[in-house]
Amino acid sequence: MAYNIDARIRGNTFLKFLEEMTKDAEFKMIRIHSDSSNEQNIMDFERKRHLHVVGVMRSGAFIVPTPETSLKPNDTVACLNKKKGLHLF
């Protein structure tokens, strides 16, 4: 069973799944400015921008965010943003 799951994740099936899942959403990468003086709570960041953070790149490492995650200067934030007129999040 694990082999079948792995094969699906690595194959076209997974890519098709992602396309279907995100057809009503936009993927964005947002860079936190290096001159930003304060850390930002991820929940506040999402609420202010009406988006959902799916990952954070920091110093070459990928972080799966939790509600306690803080965004720091130079972080790159991977986000999903709903397209106009949709209520996804």
N, C-alpha and C. Protein backbone atom coordinates (compact mmCIF):
# COMPACT_ATOMS: atom_id res chain seq x y z
N MET A 1 0.83 -1.19 0.00
CA MET A 1 0.00 0.00 0.00
C MET A 1 0.88 1.26 0.00
N ALA A 2 1.92 1.27 0.82
CA ALA A 2 2.81 2.43 0.87
C ALA A 2 3.44 2.68 -0.49
N TYR A 3 3.78 1.60 -1.20
CA TYR A 3 4.37 1.73 -2.53
C TYR A 3 3.38 2.41 -3.47
N ASN A 4 2.11 2.05 -3.42
CA ASN A 4 1.09 2.66 -4.30
C ASN A 4 0.91 4.14 -3.98
N ILE A 5 0.91 4.49 -2.71
CA ILE A 5 0.79 5.90 -2.33
C ILE A 5 1.98 6.68 -2.84
N ASP A 6 3.17 6.13 -2.64
CA ASP A 6 4.39 6.79 -3.11
C ASP A 6 4.36 6.99 -4.62
N ALA A 7 3.94 5.98 -5.35
CA ALA A 7 3.87 6.06 -6.81
C ALA A 7 2.89 7.14 -7.25
N ARG A 8 1.78 7.26 -6.57
CA ARG A 8 0.80 8.29 -6.92
C ARG A 8 1.32 9.69 -6.63
N ILE A 9 2.00 9.84 -5.51
CA ILE A 9 2.54 11.15 -5.15
C ILE A 9 3.58 11.59 -6.17
N ARG A 10 4.40 10.67 -6.63
CA ARG A 10 5.46 11.00 -7.56
C ARG A 10 4.99 11.07 -9.01
N GLY A 11 3.85 10.55 -9.30
CA GLY A 11 3.38 10.47 -10.68
C GLY A 11 2.43 11.57 -11.07
N ASN A 12 1.91 11.47 -12.28
CA ASN A 12 0.98 12.46 -12.83
C ASN A 12 -0.32 12.54 -12.04
N THR A 13 -0.70 11.46 -11.39
CA THR A 13 -1.93 11.47 -10.63
C THR A 13 -1.89 12.56 -9.56
N PHE A 14 -0.76 12.68 -8.90
CA PHE A 14 -0.64 13.70 -7.86
C PHE A 14 -0.68 15.10 -8.45
N LEU A 15 -0.03 15.29 -9.59
CA LEU A 15 -0.06 16.60 -10.25
C LEU A 15 -1.47 16.96 -10.68
N LYS A 16 -2.20 16.00 -11.19
CA LYS A 16 -3.60 16.25 -11.57
C LYS A 16 -4.44 16.57 -10.34
N PHE A 17 -4.16 15.88 -9.25
CA PHE A 17 -4.87 16.15 -8.00
C PHE A 17 -4.62 17.59 -7.55
N LEU A 18 -3.36 18.04 -7.59
CA LEU A 18 -3.04 19.41 -7.20
C LEU A 18 -3.71 20.43 -8.11
N GLU A 19 -3.71 20.17 -9.41
CA GLU A 19 -4.37 21.08 -10.35
C GLU A 19 -5.86 21.20 -10.03
N GLU A 20 -6.51 20.07 -9.77
CA GLU A 20 -7.94 20.08 -9.47
C GLU A 20 -8.21 20.81 -8.14
N MET A 21 -7.35 20.57 -7.17
CA MET A 21 -7.53 21.18 -5.86
C MET A 21 -7.35 22.69 -5.89
N THR A 22 -6.49 23.16 -6.77
CA THR A 22 -6.17 24.59 -6.77
C THR A 22 -6.76 25.34 -7.96
N LYS A 23 -7.68 24.73 -8.69
CA LYS A 23 -8.21 25.41 -9.87
C LYS A 23 -8.97 26.69 -9.52
N ASP A 24 -9.47 26.77 -8.30
CA ASP A 24 -10.20 27.96 -7.87
C ASP A 24 -9.36 28.83 -6.94
N ALA A 25 -8.06 28.55 -6.89
CA ALA A 25 -7.17 29.30 -6.02
C ALA A 25 -5.92 29.69 -6.79
N GLU A 26 -5.26 30.72 -6.30
CA GLU A 26 -4.01 31.18 -6.90
C GLU A 26 -2.87 30.89 -5.94
N PHE A 27 -1.76 30.48 -6.48
CA PHE A 27 -0.56 30.23 -5.68
C PHE A 27 0.32 31.46 -5.74
N LYS A 28 0.79 31.92 -4.59
CA LYS A 28 1.63 33.12 -4.54
C LYS A 28 2.84 32.85 -3.65
N MET A 29 3.94 33.49 -3.98
CA MET A 29 5.14 33.50 -3.14
C MET A 29 5.33 34.94 -2.69
N ILE A 30 5.43 35.15 -1.39
CA ILE A 30 5.59 36.49 -0.82
C ILE A 30 6.88 36.52 -0.01
N ARG A 31 7.72 37.48 -0.31
CA ARG A 31 8.99 37.63 0.41
C ARG A 31 8.81 38.67 1.52
N ILE A 32 9.21 38.32 2.74
CA ILE A 32 9.17 39.25 3.85
C ILE A 32 10.41 40.14 3.74
N HIS A 33 10.22 41.43 3.70
CA HIS A 33 11.32 42.37 3.50
C HIS A 33 12.40 42.21 4.57
N SER A 34 13.63 42.38 4.15
CA SER A 34 14.75 42.25 5.07
C SER A 34 14.79 43.39 6.09
N ASP A 35 14.16 44.52 5.77
CA ASP A 35 14.14 45.64 6.71
C ASP A 35 12.95 45.58 7.67
N SER A 36 12.18 44.50 7.58
CA SER A 36 11.06 44.33 8.49
C SER A 36 11.60 44.13 9.90
N SER A 37 11.20 44.98 10.83
CA SER A 37 11.80 44.97 12.16
C SER A 37 11.16 43.96 13.11
N ASN A 38 9.92 43.62 12.89
CA ASN A 38 9.22 42.73 13.82
C ASN A 38 8.86 41.41 13.16
N GLU A 39 8.87 40.36 13.97
CA GLU A 39 8.34 39.08 13.51
C GLU A 39 6.83 39.20 13.43
N GLN A 40 6.24 38.47 12.49
CA GLN A 40 4.79 38.50 12.32
C GLN A 40 4.21 37.13 12.63
N ASN A 41 3.16 37.09 13.42
CA ASN A 41 2.46 35.85 13.66
C ASN A 41 1.78 35.40 12.38
N ILE A 42 1.87 34.13 12.06
CA ILE A 42 1.34 33.63 10.80
C ILE A 42 -0.17 33.80 10.70
N MET A 43 -0.87 33.66 11.82
CA MET A 43 -2.33 33.81 11.80
C MET A 43 -2.72 35.25 11.46
N ASP A 44 -2.00 36.22 12.00
CA ASP A 44 -2.26 37.62 11.68
C ASP A 44 -1.94 37.90 10.21
N PHE A 45 -0.83 37.34 9.73
CA PHE A 45 -0.42 37.50 8.33
C PHE A 45 -1.51 37.00 7.39
N GLU A 46 -2.06 35.81 7.69
CA GLU A 46 -3.13 35.24 6.86
C GLU A 46 -4.40 36.10 6.92
N ARG A 47 -4.78 36.49 8.10
CA ARG A 47 -6.02 37.25 8.29
C ARG A 47 -5.98 38.59 7.56
N LYS A 48 -4.84 39.30 7.65
CA LYS A 48 -4.72 40.61 7.02
C LYS A 48 -4.76 40.53 5.50
N ARG A 49 -4.25 39.44 4.95
CA ARG A 49 -4.13 39.32 3.49
C ARG A 49 -5.17 38.40 2.86
N HIS A 50 -6.03 37.78 3.66
CA HIS A 50 -7.07 36.89 3.17
C HIS A 50 -6.49 35.75 2.34
N LEU A 51 -5.52 35.06 2.92
CA LEU A 51 -4.89 33.94 2.23
C LEU A 51 -4.53 32.85 3.23
N HIS A 52 -4.02 31.75 2.71
CA HIS A 52 -3.63 30.61 3.55
C HIS A 52 -2.18 30.27 3.28
N VAL A 53 -1.36 30.29 4.31
CA VAL A 53 0.06 29.97 4.17
C VAL A 53 0.22 28.45 4.17
N VAL A 54 0.91 27.93 3.14
CA VAL A 54 1.12 26.49 3.05
C VAL A 54 2.57 26.10 3.33
N GLY A 55 3.47 27.07 3.36
CA GLY A 55 4.86 26.75 3.65
C GLY A 55 5.69 28.01 3.78
N VAL A 56 6.84 27.87 4.44
CA VAL A 56 7.76 28.98 4.63
C VAL A 56 9.17 28.49 4.31
N MET A 57 9.87 29.23 3.46
CA MET A 57 11.28 28.95 3.19
C MET A 57 12.10 29.90 4.05
N ARG A 58 13.00 29.31 4.87
CA ARG A 58 13.84 30.12 5.75
C ARG A 58 15.25 29.54 5.75
N SER A 59 16.20 30.33 5.31
CA SER A 59 17.61 29.90 5.30
C SER A 59 17.81 28.57 4.60
N GLY A 60 17.10 28.38 3.49
CA GLY A 60 17.25 27.17 2.70
C GLY A 60 16.45 25.97 3.19
N ALA A 61 15.70 26.13 4.26
CA ALA A 61 14.89 25.03 4.80
C ALA A 61 13.41 25.33 4.59
N PHE A 62 12.63 24.27 4.31
CA PHE A 62 11.18 24.41 4.15
C PHE A 62 10.52 24.10 5.49
N ILE A 63 9.66 25.01 5.93
CA ILE A 63 8.96 24.86 7.21
C ILE A 63 7.47 24.69 6.93
N VAL A 64 6.88 23.65 7.49
CA VAL A 64 5.43 23.48 7.44
C VAL A 64 4.89 24.30 8.61
N PRO A 65 4.11 25.35 8.32
CA PRO A 65 3.71 26.27 9.38
C PRO A 65 2.66 25.69 10.32
N THR A 66 2.72 26.16 11.55
CA THR A 66 1.69 25.88 12.56
C THR A 66 1.14 27.23 13.00
N PRO A 67 0.06 27.26 13.76
CA PRO A 67 -0.46 28.55 14.22
C PRO A 67 0.55 29.34 15.05
N GLU A 68 1.53 28.66 15.61
CA GLU A 68 2.54 29.34 16.44
C GLU A 68 3.72 29.87 15.62
N THR A 69 3.78 29.55 14.34
CA THR A 69 4.89 29.97 13.50
C THR A 69 4.93 31.49 13.38
N SER A 70 6.12 32.05 13.50
CA SER A 70 6.33 33.48 13.28
C SER A 70 7.10 33.66 11.99
N LEU A 71 6.73 34.67 11.23
CA LEU A 71 7.44 35.00 9.99
C LEU A 71 8.53 36.01 10.32
N LYS A 72 9.71 35.77 9.76
CA LYS A 72 10.87 36.61 10.05
C LYS A 72 11.34 37.31 8.78
N PRO A 73 12.15 38.38 8.93
CA PRO A 73 12.71 39.04 7.75
C PRO A 73 13.44 38.04 6.86
N ASN A 74 13.28 38.20 5.55
CA ASN A 74 13.87 37.35 4.51
C ASN A 74 13.18 36.01 4.31
N ASP A 75 12.13 35.70 5.07
CA ASP A 75 11.36 34.48 4.81
C ASP A 75 10.66 34.62 3.46
N THR A 76 10.49 33.52 2.77
CA THR A 76 9.65 33.47 1.58
C THR A 76 8.45 32.59 1.94
N VAL A 77 7.26 33.15 1.76
CA VAL A 77 6.03 32.50 2.20
C VAL A 77 5.25 32.00 0.99
N ALA A 78 4.93 30.70 0.98
CA ALA A 78 4.11 30.10 -0.07
C ALA A 78 2.66 30.14 0.38
N CYS A 79 1.80 30.73 -0.45
CA CYS A 79 0.41 30.96 -0.05
C CYS A 79 -0.58 30.53 -1.12
N LEU A 80 -1.77 30.20 -0.68
CA LEU A 80 -2.91 30.01 -1.57
C LEU A 80 -3.86 31.16 -1.29
N ASN A 81 -4.34 31.74 -2.38
CA ASN A 81 -5.23 32.89 -2.31
C ASN A 81 -6.48 32.56 -3.13
N LYS A 82 -7.64 32.77 -2.57
CA LYS A 82 -8.85 32.47 -3.34
C LYS A 82 -9.02 33.44 -4.51
N LYS A 83 -9.55 32.92 -5.60
CA LYS A 83 -9.87 33.80 -6.72
C LYS A 83 -11.11 34.58 -6.38
N LYS A 84 -11.27 35.71 -7.02
CA LYS A 84 -12.39 36.60 -6.71
C LYS A 84 -13.72 35.88 -6.81
N GLY A 85 -14.60 36.17 -5.86
CA GLY A 85 -15.94 35.64 -5.88
C GLY A 85 -16.07 34.27 -5.24
N LEU A 86 -14.97 33.65 -4.81
CA LEU A 86 -15.04 32.33 -4.22
C LEU A 86 -14.80 32.43 -2.72
N HIS A 87 -15.37 31.51 -2.00
CA HIS A 87 -15.21 31.47 -0.54
C HIS A 87 -14.59 30.14 -0.15
N LEU A 88 -13.28 30.02 -0.36
CA LEU A 88 -12.60 28.75 -0.12
C LEU A 88 -12.07 28.62 1.29
N PHE A 89 -11.71 29.75 1.92
CA PHE A 89 -11.04 29.67 3.21
C PHE A 89 -11.83 30.38 4.28
